[in-house]
Every structure is written in C-alpha cells, then in structure tokens.
Amino acid sequence: MGDRYNIFSQMEHLQSKYVGTGHSDTTKWEWLTNQHRDSLASYIGHPDLLSYISIAENETKARVRFNLLEKMFQPCGPPPDRPNLD
C-alpha cells in the first residue's frame, strides 16, 4: 500500500510541476497544444534551429522568432466547445 501511495504522490507532484505531463482529465486539444508549444519553444531556444528555419523561410531570425512566439498563443486554434454536464 505504501508503494502505491508513493507512486501516486510522485505523479501528482510531476503533474503540478510540469503542465505538459497531463492527467486523466486532459483533453486531446490540451495535449496537442502542450506538444506544439513545447516544440515551438524548442525551436526558439536552439539558435541553430532558428537559423535553419529563417534560411528556409527567407526571413530574418528576429521575424521567425516573432512568428513562432505568435503561434504559441493558440497553436491548435481556439479550444473546442465543451458539452454542458448539467
């Protein structure tokens, strides 16, 4: 019983610390949004990837960084409508 409680408490700690780890109530849209934001943050955080994208798009690195930051706002579009559970 002690090990089981320990595992669940570790999972709860990870889920509260890192938003992208998800939980049982995470929707497909939330999970995809987290994945897209993680990818975009990685592109911005690695200068070589940013240079590669800027060369491929024939844009400056600052413009590519700005475009990627704008995509992070809603990378998968607006959230879907939730059904009323009343």
N, C-alpha and C. Protein backbone atom coordinates (compact mmCIF):
# COMPACT_ATOMS: atom_id res chain seq x y z
N MET A 1 0.83 -1.19 0.00
CA MET A 1 0.00 0.00 0.00
C MET A 1 0.87 1.25 0.00
N GLY A 2 1.98 1.21 0.72
CA GLY A 2 2.87 2.36 0.83
C GLY A 2 3.50 2.74 -0.50
N ASP A 3 3.89 1.72 -1.29
CA ASP A 3 4.49 2.00 -2.60
C ASP A 3 3.48 2.64 -3.54
N ARG A 4 2.27 2.15 -3.49
CA ARG A 4 1.23 2.69 -4.37
C ARG A 4 0.97 4.17 -4.06
N TYR A 5 0.88 4.52 -2.79
CA TYR A 5 0.67 5.91 -2.39
C TYR A 5 1.85 6.76 -2.82
N ASN A 6 3.06 6.23 -2.68
CA ASN A 6 4.27 6.95 -3.04
C ASN A 6 4.28 7.25 -4.55
N ILE A 7 3.91 6.29 -5.37
CA ILE A 7 3.87 6.48 -6.83
C ILE A 7 2.84 7.54 -7.20
N PHE A 8 1.66 7.47 -6.60
CA PHE A 8 0.62 8.46 -6.91
C PHE A 8 1.03 9.85 -6.46
N SER A 9 1.69 9.96 -5.32
CA SER A 9 2.13 11.28 -4.86
C SER A 9 3.22 11.84 -5.77
N GLN A 10 4.09 10.97 -6.29
CA GLN A 10 5.11 11.42 -7.23
C GLN A 10 4.47 11.90 -8.53
N MET A 11 3.47 11.17 -9.00
CA MET A 11 2.78 11.58 -10.23
C MET A 11 2.07 12.92 -10.04
N GLU A 12 1.40 13.10 -8.92
CA GLU A 12 0.73 14.36 -8.65
C GLU A 12 1.73 15.50 -8.58
N HIS A 13 2.89 15.24 -7.99
CA HIS A 13 3.92 16.27 -7.90
C HIS A 13 4.42 16.65 -9.30
N LEU A 14 4.67 15.66 -10.15
CA LEU A 14 5.12 15.94 -11.51
C LEU A 14 4.07 16.71 -12.30
N GLN A 15 2.81 16.31 -12.15
CA GLN A 15 1.74 16.96 -12.90
C GLN A 15 1.52 18.39 -12.43
N SER A 16 1.77 18.68 -11.17
CA SER A 16 1.62 20.05 -10.70
C SER A 16 2.83 20.89 -11.10
N LYS A 17 3.99 20.27 -11.21
CA LYS A 17 5.21 20.99 -11.54
C LYS A 17 5.33 21.24 -13.04
N TYR A 18 5.00 20.25 -13.85
CA TYR A 18 5.12 20.35 -15.30
C TYR A 18 3.73 20.23 -15.92
N VAL A 19 3.29 21.30 -16.56
CA VAL A 19 1.94 21.33 -17.11
C VAL A 19 1.77 20.30 -18.22
N GLY A 20 2.78 20.08 -19.03
CA GLY A 20 2.67 19.21 -20.19
C GLY A 20 2.59 17.73 -19.89
N THR A 21 2.74 17.31 -18.64
CA THR A 21 2.69 15.88 -18.35
C THR A 21 1.28 15.34 -18.42
N GLY A 22 0.28 16.18 -18.27
CA GLY A 22 -1.10 15.76 -18.40
C GLY A 22 -1.61 15.00 -17.19
N HIS A 23 -2.89 14.69 -17.23
CA HIS A 23 -3.54 13.91 -16.20
C HIS A 23 -4.74 13.23 -16.84
N SER A 24 -5.56 12.57 -16.05
CA SER A 24 -6.66 11.79 -16.60
C SER A 24 -7.73 12.66 -17.26
N ASP A 25 -7.83 13.93 -16.87
CA ASP A 25 -8.84 14.81 -17.44
C ASP A 25 -8.32 15.65 -18.60
N THR A 26 -7.10 15.44 -19.04
CA THR A 26 -6.53 16.20 -20.15
C THR A 26 -7.22 15.81 -21.45
N THR A 27 -7.69 16.82 -22.18
CA THR A 27 -8.34 16.56 -23.46
C THR A 27 -7.30 16.44 -24.56
N LYS A 28 -7.73 15.93 -25.70
CA LYS A 28 -6.84 15.81 -26.84
C LYS A 28 -6.32 17.17 -27.27
N TRP A 29 -7.18 18.19 -27.25
CA TRP A 29 -6.79 19.53 -27.66
C TRP A 29 -5.73 20.09 -26.71
N GLU A 30 -5.90 19.91 -25.40
CA GLU A 30 -4.93 20.40 -24.43
C GLU A 30 -3.58 19.71 -24.60
N TRP A 31 -3.61 18.40 -24.84
CA TRP A 31 -2.38 17.65 -25.02
C TRP A 31 -1.65 18.12 -26.28
N LEU A 32 -2.38 18.28 -27.38
CA LEU A 32 -1.76 18.75 -28.62
C LEU A 32 -1.22 20.17 -28.47
N THR A 33 -1.95 21.02 -27.77
CA THR A 33 -1.48 22.39 -27.55
C THR A 33 -0.17 22.39 -26.77
N ASN A 34 -0.07 21.56 -25.74
CA ASN A 34 1.17 21.46 -24.97
C ASN A 34 2.32 20.96 -25.84
N GLN A 35 2.05 19.97 -26.69
CA GLN A 35 3.10 19.44 -27.58
C GLN A 35 3.58 20.51 -28.55
N HIS A 36 2.65 21.24 -29.14
CA HIS A 36 3.02 22.28 -30.10
C HIS A 36 3.81 23.40 -29.41
N ARG A 37 3.38 23.79 -28.24
CA ARG A 37 4.11 24.85 -27.52
C ARG A 37 5.50 24.40 -27.12
N ASP A 38 5.65 23.15 -26.71
CA ASP A 38 6.97 22.63 -26.38
C ASP A 38 7.88 22.64 -27.60
N SER A 39 7.33 22.24 -28.75
CA SER A 39 8.12 22.24 -29.99
C SER A 39 8.53 23.65 -30.38
N LEU A 40 7.58 24.58 -30.34
CA LEU A 40 7.89 25.96 -30.71
C LEU A 40 8.93 26.57 -29.76
N ALA A 41 8.82 26.28 -28.47
CA ALA A 41 9.79 26.78 -27.51
C ALA A 41 11.18 26.20 -27.79
N SER A 42 11.22 24.95 -28.22
CA SER A 42 12.50 24.33 -28.55
C SER A 42 13.12 25.00 -29.78
N TYR A 43 12.30 25.30 -30.78
CA TYR A 43 12.81 25.98 -31.98
C TYR A 43 13.39 27.34 -31.62
N ILE A 44 12.71 28.06 -30.74
CA ILE A 44 13.17 29.39 -30.33
C ILE A 44 14.43 29.28 -29.47
N GLY A 45 14.50 28.27 -28.63
CA GLY A 45 15.61 28.12 -27.69
C GLY A 45 16.89 27.58 -28.29
N HIS A 46 16.83 26.98 -29.47
CA HIS A 46 18.03 26.46 -30.12
C HIS A 46 18.38 27.35 -31.30
N PRO A 47 19.43 28.15 -31.20
CA PRO A 47 19.77 29.11 -32.25
C PRO A 47 20.01 28.47 -33.62
N ASP A 48 20.56 27.26 -33.66
CA ASP A 48 20.80 26.61 -34.95
C ASP A 48 19.49 26.26 -35.65
N LEU A 49 18.50 25.79 -34.89
CA LEU A 49 17.19 25.51 -35.48
C LEU A 49 16.53 26.79 -35.97
N LEU A 50 16.67 27.85 -35.21
CA LEU A 50 16.10 29.13 -35.60
C LEU A 50 16.76 29.64 -36.89
N SER A 51 18.07 29.48 -37.00
CA SER A 51 18.77 29.87 -38.22
C SER A 51 18.30 29.03 -39.41
N TYR A 52 18.15 27.74 -39.21
CA TYR A 52 17.71 26.84 -40.27
C TYR A 52 16.33 27.25 -40.78
N ILE A 53 15.41 27.53 -39.86
CA ILE A 53 14.06 27.93 -40.24
C ILE A 53 14.08 29.28 -40.95
N SER A 54 14.90 30.20 -40.46
CA SER A 54 14.95 31.52 -41.08
C SER A 54 15.51 31.45 -42.50
N ILE A 55 16.47 30.58 -42.73
CA ILE A 55 17.00 30.41 -44.09
C ILE A 55 15.96 29.76 -44.99
N ALA A 56 15.27 28.75 -44.47
CA ALA A 56 14.26 28.05 -45.27
C ALA A 56 13.10 28.97 -45.65
N GLU A 57 12.72 29.88 -44.74
CA GLU A 57 11.60 30.79 -44.99
C GLU A 57 12.05 32.12 -45.60
N ASN A 58 13.37 32.30 -45.76
CA ASN A 58 13.94 33.54 -46.30
C ASN A 58 13.46 34.75 -45.49
N GLU A 59 13.53 34.63 -44.18
CA GLU A 59 13.15 35.70 -43.25
C GLU A 59 14.30 35.92 -42.28
N THR A 60 14.28 37.05 -41.59
CA THR A 60 15.29 37.29 -40.57
C THR A 60 15.00 36.42 -39.34
N LYS A 61 16.04 36.20 -38.53
CA LYS A 61 15.85 35.39 -37.32
C LYS A 61 14.88 36.06 -36.36
N ALA A 62 14.92 37.38 -36.29
CA ALA A 62 14.00 38.10 -35.40
C ALA A 62 12.56 37.92 -35.86
N ARG A 63 12.31 37.96 -37.17
CA ARG A 63 10.95 37.79 -37.70
C ARG A 63 10.46 36.36 -37.44
N VAL A 64 11.33 35.38 -37.63
CA VAL A 64 10.95 33.98 -37.38
C VAL A 64 10.64 33.78 -35.91
N ARG A 65 11.47 34.35 -35.03
CA ARG A 65 11.23 34.25 -33.59
C ARG A 65 9.89 34.87 -33.23
N PHE A 66 9.59 36.03 -33.80
CA PHE A 66 8.32 36.70 -33.55
C PHE A 66 7.15 35.85 -34.03
N ASN A 67 7.27 35.29 -35.23
CA ASN A 67 6.19 34.44 -35.76
C ASN A 67 5.97 33.21 -34.90
N LEU A 68 7.05 32.60 -34.43
CA LEU A 68 6.91 31.42 -33.56
C LEU A 68 6.28 31.78 -32.24
N LEU A 69 6.64 32.93 -31.69
CA LEU A 69 6.02 33.37 -30.44
C LEU A 69 4.53 33.65 -30.62
N GLU A 70 4.16 34.20 -31.78
CA GLU A 70 2.73 34.43 -32.04
C GLU A 70 1.98 33.11 -32.16
N LYS A 71 2.61 32.10 -32.77
CA LYS A 71 1.95 30.79 -32.90
C LYS A 71 1.73 30.13 -31.55
N MET A 72 2.54 30.48 -30.56
CA MET A 72 2.41 29.85 -29.24
C MET A 72 1.13 30.27 -28.53
N PHE A 73 0.51 31.35 -28.96
CA PHE A 73 -0.71 31.81 -28.30
C PHE A 73 -1.83 30.78 -28.42
N GLN A 74 -2.14 30.37 -29.63
CA GLN A 74 -3.12 29.30 -29.86
C GLN A 74 -2.62 28.44 -31.01
N PRO A 75 -1.68 27.52 -30.72
CA PRO A 75 -1.07 26.75 -31.80
C PRO A 75 -2.03 25.79 -32.50
N CYS A 76 -3.09 25.38 -31.85
CA CYS A 76 -4.05 24.43 -32.44
C CYS A 76 -5.41 25.07 -32.65
N GLY A 77 -5.46 26.39 -32.70
CA GLY A 77 -6.74 27.06 -32.88
C GLY A 77 -7.47 27.24 -31.56
N PRO A 78 -8.67 27.80 -31.64
CA PRO A 78 -9.43 28.01 -30.41
C PRO A 78 -9.87 26.68 -29.80
N PRO A 79 -10.07 26.66 -28.49
CA PRO A 79 -10.48 25.40 -27.84
C PRO A 79 -11.87 24.97 -28.30
N PRO A 80 -12.09 23.67 -28.37
CA PRO A 80 -13.41 23.19 -28.78
C PRO A 80 -14.45 23.46 -27.70
N ASP A 81 -15.69 23.52 -28.11
CA ASP A 81 -16.78 23.72 -27.16
C ASP A 81 -16.92 22.49 -26.27
N ARG A 82 -17.08 22.76 -24.99
CA ARG A 82 -17.28 21.65 -24.04
C ARG A 82 -18.77 21.43 -23.85
N PRO A 83 -19.18 20.19 -23.81
CA PRO A 83 -20.60 19.92 -23.59
C PRO A 83 -20.99 20.25 -22.16
N ASN A 84 -22.21 20.73 -22.00
CA ASN A 84 -22.73 21.02 -20.66
C ASN A 84 -23.01 19.73 -19.93
N LEU A 85 -22.52 19.63 -18.71
CA LEU A 85 -22.72 18.42 -17.91
C LEU A 85 -23.77 18.63 -16.84
N ASP A 86 -24.68 19.57 -17.07
CA ASP A 86 -25.73 19.87 -16.08
C ASP A 86 -26.75 18.77 -15.99
